[in-house]
Amino acid sequence: MTETTLLTFLQWIDLVGVLFNAVLGAVIGRAARLDVVGLVVLAIMSGLGGGMIRDVMLQSGPPIAITDWRYITAALLGALIVMIVRVEGRLWDRIYPPIDALALGTWAAAGSLKTLEAGFGVLPALMLGTITAVGGGFVRDMVLRRIPGVLGGNTLYATAALAASLVAVGSWYLHVPTIGSIAATAVGAALVLLARWRRLSLPVGDDAITIGQAVARGLAKSRRRPPGKGRGES
C-alpha cells in the first residue's frame, strides 16, 4: 500500500468519523427536543468542532471544514439521517463505538501532525491533537449547558486522545509520520474500546485528591528516610 493510498484511507476514516459524530450530535439534539436548526447546529459542532478549533488556533489558513466540501456535507448528512431515520437500537450500539474510536485516533493524529507541520513544538501538538479529537463533543455539551463528558464521569476519552497524540508526535520525530498516523489511530481506538469494555475511568472528585495526597505522602517519606544499608547487609 503506497503512502498516498494510506493517507486517502485515513482521510476516509476521518470523514466517516465526522458523519457518525454528527449523527450523535443530532441524536442528542433530538433528545433535547431541539428544532431542525438546532439539530443541524449540534451535528456540525459534534462532527467538525474539534478540527475547526484547531485550525483557528493554528491560524494557518481557513479551516478544512470550510475548504473541503466533503466535511460539511458529511456533517449535514448526519443531521439529515437523524431527521429521516430513528437512529437507535442494537445496530447503532454496535456500529457507533468502533467508528467513534477510529475517528478519535485519526483526529488526534491529524491534529498533532498538522500542528508540528505548522512549526509548533511538542506540547502544542499534544494539546491540539487532543482538542481535535474531543473538541466537538466539548462544544456540543457546553451549548446544551451540561458538563462535557470528556471532563469526567465517563470512560477514558481525552486520555486516549492524548495517548494517540503522543504516538503521532513520536512518529514525526522518527520521520515516519504516515506509519505513525496508522499507529496513533490504532492506539487511540484500542484505548477507547478497552475503556468501554472494562469501564475504565480516571479518579474523580475526592478520589483524585486522596490519590494525590497519598502519592505526596509517599514521596515525602522517601525523602526523609536516612541513607542506610540495604536489607541483609551487615
Protein backbone atom coordinates (compact mmCIF):
# COMPACT_ATOMS: atom_id res chain seq x y z
CA MET A 1 0.00 0.00 0.00
CA THR A 2 1.52 3.33 -1.09
CA GLU A 3 1.75 6.43 1.09
CA THR A 4 -0.92 8.18 -0.98
CA THR A 5 -3.28 5.25 -0.53
CA LEU A 6 -2.68 5.24 3.23
CA LEU A 7 -3.38 8.95 3.51
CA THR A 8 -6.57 8.56 1.45
CA PHE A 9 -7.65 5.69 3.70
CA LEU A 10 -7.10 7.77 6.84
CA GLN A 11 -8.98 10.70 5.33
CA TRP A 12 -11.99 8.48 4.65
CA ILE A 13 -11.90 7.26 8.24
CA ASP A 14 -11.84 10.93 9.21
CA LEU A 15 -14.92 11.66 7.09
CA VAL A 16 -16.80 8.62 8.40
CA GLY A 17 -15.97 9.81 11.92
CA VAL A 18 -17.41 13.22 11.07
CA LEU A 19 -20.59 11.57 9.80
CA PHE A 20 -21.12 9.35 12.83
CA ASN A 21 -20.33 12.05 15.36
CA ALA A 22 -22.65 14.41 13.51
CA VAL A 23 -25.34 11.74 13.81
CA LEU A 24 -24.60 11.52 17.54
CA GLY A 25 -24.88 15.29 17.90
CA ALA A 26 -28.21 15.31 16.09
CA VAL A 27 -29.50 12.38 18.20
CA ILE A 28 -28.61 14.30 21.36
CA GLY A 29 -30.30 17.38 19.93
CA ARG A 30 -33.47 15.40 19.19
CA ALA A 31 -33.48 14.05 22.75
CA ALA A 32 -33.23 17.67 23.95
CA ARG A 33 -36.27 18.49 21.75
CA LEU A 34 -34.45 20.98 19.54
CA ASP A 35 -35.87 22.08 16.21
CA VAL A 36 -34.36 21.42 12.76
CA VAL A 37 -31.88 24.28 13.06
CA GLY A 38 -30.81 23.01 16.46
CA LEU A 39 -30.22 19.51 15.10
CA VAL A 40 -28.08 20.84 12.25
CA VAL A 41 -26.06 23.10 14.55
CA LEU A 42 -25.35 20.29 17.01
CA ALA A 43 -24.44 17.92 14.18
CA ILE A 44 -21.91 20.41 12.79
CA MET A 45 -20.48 21.15 16.24
CA SER A 46 -20.17 17.48 17.13
CA GLY A 47 -18.63 16.42 13.83
CA LEU A 48 -16.45 19.40 12.95
CA GLY A 49 -15.95 21.43 16.14
CA GLY A 50 -12.58 20.00 17.17
CA GLY A 51 -10.95 20.47 13.78
CA MET A 52 -12.29 24.00 13.42
CA ILE A 53 -10.97 24.98 16.86
CA ARG A 54 -7.57 23.55 15.92
CA ASP A 55 -7.38 25.35 12.57
CA VAL A 56 -8.44 28.67 14.09
CA MET A 57 -5.80 28.38 16.83
CA LEU A 58 -3.09 27.49 14.30
CA GLN A 59 -4.02 30.47 12.10
CA SER A 60 -2.59 28.59 9.11
CA GLY A 61 -5.48 29.28 6.76
CA PRO A 62 -9.22 28.62 6.58
CA PRO A 63 -10.44 25.56 8.50
CA ILE A 64 -10.53 22.39 6.40
CA ALA A 65 -14.24 22.10 7.23
CA ILE A 66 -14.73 25.18 5.03
CA THR A 67 -12.22 24.46 2.26
CA ASP A 68 -13.14 20.80 1.72
CA TRP A 69 -16.82 20.42 0.84
CA ARG A 70 -16.88 16.77 1.92
CA TYR A 71 -16.59 17.64 5.61
CA ILE A 72 -19.56 19.97 5.89
CA THR A 73 -21.52 17.63 3.60
CA ALA A 74 -20.79 14.68 5.93
CA ALA A 75 -21.98 16.71 8.94
CA LEU A 76 -25.17 17.81 7.16
CA LEU A 77 -25.80 14.25 6.02
CA GLY A 78 -25.56 13.11 9.64
CA ALA A 79 -28.24 15.61 10.63
CA LEU A 80 -30.43 14.57 7.70
CA ILE A 81 -30.19 10.89 8.65
CA VAL A 82 -31.47 11.64 12.15
CA MET A 83 -34.35 13.67 10.74
CA ILE A 84 -35.43 10.81 8.48
CA VAL A 85 -34.47 7.68 10.43
CA ARG A 86 -34.86 6.95 14.11
CA VAL A 87 -31.23 6.14 14.90
CA GLU A 88 -31.20 3.85 17.90
CA GLY A 89 -31.23 0.21 18.93
CA ARG A 90 -28.74 -2.65 18.83
CA LEU A 91 -27.39 -1.94 15.36
CA TRP A 92 -26.46 1.65 16.29
CA ASP A 93 -25.00 0.48 19.60
CA ARG A 94 -22.75 -1.95 17.75
CA ILE A 95 -21.70 0.29 14.87
CA TYR A 96 -21.07 3.57 16.66
CA PRO A 97 -18.36 2.62 19.25
CA PRO A 98 -15.72 1.29 16.79
CA ILE A 99 -16.29 4.12 14.31
CA ASP A 100 -16.10 6.70 17.11
CA ALA A 101 -12.91 5.06 18.43
CA LEU A 102 -11.27 5.08 14.99
CA ALA A 103 -12.27 8.69 14.44
CA LEU A 104 -10.75 9.73 17.77
CA GLY A 105 -7.41 8.15 16.90
CA THR A 106 -7.43 9.65 13.42
CA TRP A 107 -8.39 13.13 14.63
CA ALA A 108 -5.73 13.08 17.37
CA ALA A 109 -3.04 12.06 14.87
CA ALA A 110 -4.15 14.61 12.29
CA GLY A 111 -4.28 17.42 14.85
CA SER A 112 -0.84 16.63 16.24
CA LEU A 113 0.87 16.30 12.87
CA LYS A 114 -0.77 19.42 11.45
CA THR A 115 0.44 21.39 14.48
CA LEU A 116 4.00 20.13 14.01
CA GLU A 117 3.86 20.92 10.28
CA ALA A 118 2.87 24.48 11.20
CA GLY A 119 6.15 24.84 13.11
CA PHE A 120 4.95 24.40 16.69
CA GLY A 121 6.54 22.22 19.37
CA VAL A 122 5.65 19.04 21.20
CA LEU A 123 3.33 20.45 23.88
CA PRO A 124 1.17 22.47 21.44
CA ALA A 125 0.98 19.39 19.22
CA LEU A 126 -0.24 17.23 22.09
CA MET A 127 -2.74 19.88 23.16
CA LEU A 128 -4.19 20.48 19.70
CA GLY A 129 -4.20 16.77 18.87
CA THR A 130 -6.35 16.17 21.93
CA ILE A 131 -8.54 19.19 21.21
CA THR A 132 -9.11 17.99 17.63
CA ALA A 133 -10.36 14.65 18.95
CA VAL A 134 -12.58 15.86 21.81
CA GLY A 135 -13.36 19.49 20.96
CA GLY A 136 -16.58 18.82 19.04
CA GLY A 137 -18.20 16.92 21.89
CA PHE A 138 -16.97 19.52 24.37
CA VAL A 139 -18.58 22.40 22.47
CA ARG A 140 -21.77 20.42 21.90
CA ASP A 141 -22.17 19.68 25.61
CA MET A 142 -21.44 23.30 26.55
CA VAL A 143 -24.17 24.51 24.19
CA LEU A 144 -26.59 22.13 25.90
CA ARG A 145 -25.48 23.52 29.27
CA ARG A 146 -24.18 20.25 30.68
CA ILE A 147 -20.77 19.18 31.96
CA PRO A 148 -18.75 17.95 28.95
CA GLY A 149 -18.30 14.19 29.00
CA VAL A 150 -14.52 14.48 28.47
CA LEU A 151 -14.17 16.21 31.86
CA GLY A 152 -15.08 13.10 33.82
CA GLY A 153 -17.77 10.67 34.80
CA ASN A 154 -17.24 8.60 31.64
CA THR A 155 -14.83 6.05 30.30
CA LEU A 156 -11.43 7.20 29.04
CA TYR A 157 -11.67 9.50 26.02
CA ALA A 158 -9.40 12.52 26.39
CA THR A 159 -6.73 10.21 27.84
CA ALA A 160 -6.95 8.00 24.75
CA ALA A 161 -6.69 11.09 22.53
CA LEU A 162 -3.58 12.22 24.39
CA ALA A 163 -2.00 8.77 24.02
CA ALA A 164 -2.73 8.78 20.28
CA SER A 165 -1.22 12.27 20.02
CA LEU A 166 1.94 11.07 21.78
CA VAL A 167 2.34 8.26 19.24
CA ALA A 168 1.83 10.68 16.35
CA VAL A 169 4.36 13.17 17.73
CA GLY A 170 6.89 10.40 18.29
CA SER A 171 6.47 9.23 14.70
CA TRP A 172 7.06 12.78 13.45
CA TYR A 173 10.45 12.95 15.13
CA LEU A 174 11.28 9.46 13.85
CA HIS A 175 10.44 10.71 10.32
CA VAL A 176 7.67 8.14 9.75
CA PRO A 177 4.51 10.29 10.06
CA THR A 178 2.37 8.10 7.78
CA ILE A 179 3.11 4.92 9.70
CA GLY A 180 2.71 6.94 12.89
CA SER A 181 -0.75 8.08 11.82
CA ILE A 182 -1.87 4.49 11.50
CA ALA A 183 -0.23 3.55 14.80
CA ALA A 184 -1.81 6.55 16.55
CA THR A 185 -5.22 5.67 15.14
CA ALA A 186 -4.82 2.08 16.37
CA VAL A 187 -3.64 3.13 19.84
CA GLY A 188 -6.40 5.71 20.32
CA ALA A 189 -9.11 3.36 19.06
CA ALA A 190 -7.84 0.43 21.14
CA LEU A 191 -7.78 2.50 24.33
CA VAL A 192 -11.31 3.83 23.77
CA LEU A 193 -12.70 0.36 23.09
CA LEU A 194 -10.80 -1.14 26.02
CA ALA A 195 -12.11 1.59 28.32
CA ARG A 196 -15.68 0.94 27.13
CA TRP A 197 -15.30 -2.81 27.57
CA ARG A 198 -13.67 -2.67 31.00
CA ARG A 199 -15.45 0.54 32.05
CA LEU A 200 -12.13 2.22 32.82
CA SER A 201 -12.19 5.81 34.06
CA LEU A 202 -9.97 8.26 35.88
CA PRO A 203 -10.48 9.06 39.57
CA VAL A 204 -12.95 11.88 40.11
CA GLY A 205 -13.58 14.45 42.83
CA ASP A 206 -12.37 13.47 46.29
CA ASP A 207 -10.93 10.19 44.98
CA ALA A 208 -8.46 12.09 42.81
CA ILE A 209 -7.47 14.31 45.75
CA THR A 210 -6.99 11.27 48.02
CA ILE A 211 -4.72 9.58 45.49
CA GLY A 212 -2.72 12.77 45.02
CA GLN A 213 -2.26 13.15 48.77
CA ALA A 214 -1.16 9.51 49.11
CA VAL A 215 1.44 9.98 46.38
CA ALA A 216 2.67 13.20 48.02
CA ARG A 217 3.00 11.45 51.41
CA GLY A 218 4.92 8.60 49.82
CA LEU A 219 7.35 11.00 48.17
CA ALA A 220 7.80 12.92 51.43
CA LYS A 221 8.61 9.72 53.35
CA SER A 222 11.14 8.62 50.76
CA ARG A 223 12.93 11.98 51.06
CA ARG A 224 13.02 11.86 54.88
CA ARG A 225 14.34 8.29 55.04
CA PRO A 226 18.03 8.45 56.09
CA PRO A 227 20.53 6.81 53.79
CA GLY A 228 21.49 3.38 55.09
CA LYS A 229 22.43 -0.08 54.16
CA GLY A 230 20.05 -2.31 52.35
CA ARG A 231 18.38 -5.36 53.81
CA GLY A 232 20.54 -8.34 54.52
CA GLU A 233 23.73 -6.27 54.60
CA SER A 234 25.97 -6.23 57.67
